[in-house]
Amino acid sequence: MKIGVISDTHSKVGKAKKVIEFLLREGAEFFIHAGDIVEVEVLDLLEQSGKKYVAVYGNNDAHLAEYHNKYNLVQEPNYFKLSNLKFKLMHLPFYMTPDADVVISGHTHTFHSEYKGDTLFLNPGEVCARSKPISECAMLDVKEHNLIVTHFTRESKTEEFIPKVINYAR
């Protein structure tokens, strides 16, 4: 199963649209947004993707509570099952314990992927290109014996996403 993972879109709806469309072209079957959604239009884009998704509230998302029942918004930490794996989703990296197969966070605006013990820790970086002139996202490809993380980067004012593949045996 291919899972598109994004975070920290902030007010950059156009960048979020490009990333979501790109991940769809790459075969995303499910989306995870690790918070700081900021704009309801980003939730609309996830809805319009035609794929199932989950989005966690970030520290800049309190105003989105009025849309809680309209979208698949969750509070952190949120646990769920997907592709026979237990996921833990949060925005703030405060619950970084290995109590799930995959732990996804955002907030730092920095890509991080590490497989420790039996747990994958993943932060897809920032879509918004606020901390650096690069928009980032990740694809998590769940295989029977592998977890494959592809970190995609796109420099501002360019169209090309550059992949970096990390393969973890499990």
Protein backbone atom coordinates (compact mmCIF):
# COMPACT_ATOMS: atom_id res chain seq x y z
CA MET A 1 0.00 0.00 0.00
CA LYS A 2 1.30 3.45 -0.90
CA ILE A 3 0.63 6.15 1.69
CA GLY A 4 1.22 9.82 0.90
CA VAL A 5 2.51 11.63 3.99
CA ILE A 6 2.49 15.42 4.27
CA SER A 7 2.79 18.00 7.02
CA ASP A 8 3.02 21.70 7.70
CA THR A 9 1.11 23.05 4.71
CA HIS A 10 0.31 26.24 6.66
CA SER A 11 -1.27 28.81 4.33
CA LYS A 12 0.32 27.44 1.16
CA VAL A 13 -2.75 25.93 -0.51
CA GLY A 14 -1.12 26.02 -3.96
CA LYS A 15 1.91 24.07 -2.74
CA ALA A 16 -0.38 21.59 -0.97
CA LYS A 17 -2.34 21.10 -4.21
CA LYS A 18 0.86 20.39 -6.17
CA VAL A 19 2.07 17.89 -3.56
CA ILE A 20 -1.25 16.05 -3.30
CA GLU A 21 -1.60 15.85 -7.09
CA PHE A 22 2.00 14.63 -7.38
CA LEU A 23 1.51 11.93 -4.74
CA LEU A 24 -1.67 10.81 -6.52
CA ARG A 25 0.30 10.46 -9.77
CA GLU A 26 2.89 8.44 -7.82
CA GLY A 27 0.14 6.02 -6.76
CA ALA A 28 -0.90 7.21 -3.29
CA GLU A 29 -3.79 5.11 -2.01
CA PHE A 30 -4.18 6.89 1.34
CA PHE A 31 -3.09 10.27 2.74
CA ILE A 32 -1.79 11.25 6.15
CA HIS A 33 -1.47 14.93 7.10
CA ALA A 34 0.68 15.40 10.20
CA GLY A 35 -0.75 18.77 11.18
CA ASP A 36 -0.47 22.52 10.77
CA ILE A 37 -3.05 22.27 8.03
CA VAL A 38 -4.09 25.91 8.68
CA GLU A 39 -6.39 26.35 5.66
CA VAL A 40 -9.68 24.49 5.26
CA GLU A 41 -8.95 24.43 1.52
CA VAL A 42 -6.19 21.88 2.22
CA LEU A 43 -8.79 19.60 3.81
CA ASP A 44 -10.95 20.15 0.72
CA LEU A 45 -8.03 19.02 -1.46
CA LEU A 46 -7.67 15.84 0.60
CA GLU A 47 -11.42 15.19 0.30
CA GLN A 48 -11.34 15.85 -3.46
CA SER A 49 -8.42 13.45 -3.95
CA GLY A 50 -10.90 10.59 -3.85
CA LYS A 51 -8.65 8.73 -1.38
CA LYS A 52 -9.19 8.04 2.28
CA TYR A 53 -7.13 10.20 4.59
CA VAL A 54 -6.53 11.24 8.18
CA ALA A 55 -5.33 14.65 9.34
CA VAL A 56 -4.20 15.54 12.85
CA TYR A 57 -4.58 18.96 14.40
CA GLY A 58 -1.35 20.93 14.64
CA ASN A 59 -0.51 23.78 16.99
CA ASN A 60 -1.84 26.24 14.36
CA ASP A 61 -5.13 24.42 13.70
CA ALA A 62 -7.44 25.23 16.64
CA HIS A 63 -9.68 27.28 14.33
CA LEU A 64 -10.38 24.13 12.27
CA ALA A 65 -12.29 22.54 15.18
CA GLU A 66 -15.54 23.87 13.69
CA TYR A 67 -14.93 21.48 10.75
CA HIS A 68 -14.17 18.46 12.92
CA ASN A 69 -17.24 16.48 11.82
CA LYS A 70 -16.94 17.44 8.14
CA TYR A 71 -13.40 16.09 7.66
CA ASN A 72 -11.40 13.22 9.09
CA LEU A 73 -9.65 15.37 11.70
CA VAL A 74 -8.17 13.73 14.79
CA GLN A 75 -6.44 14.83 17.97
CA GLU A 76 -2.94 13.72 18.89
CA PRO A 77 -1.76 11.15 19.52
CA ASN A 78 -4.11 9.21 17.27
CA TYR A 79 -3.73 5.46 16.80
CA PHE A 80 -5.14 3.60 13.82
CA LYS A 81 -4.58 0.45 11.77
CA LEU A 82 -3.70 0.51 8.10
CA SER A 83 -2.24 -2.20 5.90
CA ASN A 84 -1.82 -4.53 8.91
CA LEU A 85 0.30 -1.95 10.74
CA LYS A 86 -0.44 0.10 13.84
CA PHE A 87 0.13 3.82 13.23
CA LYS A 88 0.52 6.63 15.71
CA LEU A 89 -0.08 10.09 14.26
CA MET A 90 0.68 13.39 15.91
CA HIS A 91 1.88 16.85 15.01
CA LEU A 92 4.11 17.71 17.95
CA PRO A 93 6.94 15.21 18.45
CA PHE A 94 6.12 14.72 22.13
CA TYR A 95 4.99 11.08 22.07
CA MET A 96 7.97 9.53 20.29
CA THR A 97 7.71 6.19 22.06
CA PRO A 98 7.87 3.01 19.96
CA ASP A 99 4.31 1.94 20.79
CA ALA A 100 3.26 1.53 17.15
CA ASP A 101 4.75 0.08 13.96
CA VAL A 102 4.86 3.54 12.38
CA VAL A 103 5.08 6.83 14.30
CA ILE A 104 4.38 9.92 12.19
CA SER A 105 4.91 13.49 13.33
CA GLY A 106 5.34 16.95 11.86
CA HIS A 107 6.02 20.37 13.41
CA THR A 108 9.80 20.51 12.99
CA HIS A 109 9.65 21.28 9.24
CA THR A 110 12.53 18.81 8.86
CA PHE A 111 12.38 15.45 7.10
CA HIS A 112 13.32 12.54 9.34
CA SER A 113 13.12 8.81 8.70
CA GLU A 114 14.53 6.24 11.08
CA TYR A 115 13.78 2.58 11.74
CA LYS A 116 14.54 1.74 15.39
CA GLY A 117 13.75 -1.71 16.72
CA ASP A 118 10.46 -2.54 15.06
CA THR A 119 9.23 1.06 14.68
CA LEU A 120 9.52 3.47 11.78
CA PHE A 121 9.68 7.12 12.87
CA LEU A 122 8.74 9.43 10.01
CA ASN A 123 8.44 13.20 9.63
CA PRO A 124 7.76 14.18 5.99
CA GLY A 125 9.19 17.69 6.36
CA GLU A 126 7.34 20.81 5.25
CA VAL A 127 5.07 21.35 2.29
CA CYS A 128 4.97 25.11 2.86
CA ALA A 129 8.66 25.82 2.09
CA ARG A 130 8.81 28.25 5.00
CA SER A 131 12.05 27.18 6.66
CA LYS A 132 13.85 26.57 3.37
CA PRO A 133 13.07 27.11 -0.34
CA ILE A 134 12.01 23.47 -0.70
CA SER A 135 8.59 21.84 -0.53
CA GLU A 136 8.73 18.30 0.87
CA CYS A 137 6.55 15.21 1.19
CA ALA A 138 6.99 11.48 1.58
CA MET A 139 5.53 8.26 0.26
CA LEU A 140 5.47 5.25 2.54
CA ASP A 141 5.20 2.05 0.54
CA VAL A 142 4.21 -0.84 2.80
CA LYS A 143 5.44 -4.19 1.51
CA GLU A 144 5.28 -7.60 3.17
CA HIS A 145 8.93 -7.56 4.26
CA ASN A 146 9.90 -3.93 3.68
CA LEU A 147 8.90 -0.37 4.44
CA ILE A 148 10.05 1.90 1.64
CA VAL A 149 10.14 5.64 2.37
CA THR A 150 10.59 7.99 -0.55
CA HIS A 151 11.38 11.57 0.43
CA PHE A 152 10.42 13.99 -2.33
CA THR A 153 11.73 17.55 -2.56
CA ARG A 154 10.77 20.30 -4.99
CA GLU A 155 12.63 23.58 -5.12
CA SER A 156 10.45 26.68 -5.21
CA LYS A 157 9.60 27.88 -8.72
CA THR A 158 10.33 24.45 -10.22
CA GLU A 159 7.99 21.61 -11.12
CA GLU A 160 10.27 18.60 -10.64
CA PHE A 161 10.12 16.50 -7.48
CA ILE A 162 13.44 14.84 -6.65
CA PRO A 163 13.14 11.42 -4.93
CA LYS A 164 15.40 9.87 -2.33
CA VAL A 165 14.49 6.27 -1.50
CA ILE A 166 15.14 4.64 1.88
CA ASN A 167 14.41 0.91 2.17
CA TYR A 168 13.92 -0.71 5.58
CA ALA A 169 13.71 -4.50 5.98
CA ARG A 170 11.24 -5.60 8.63
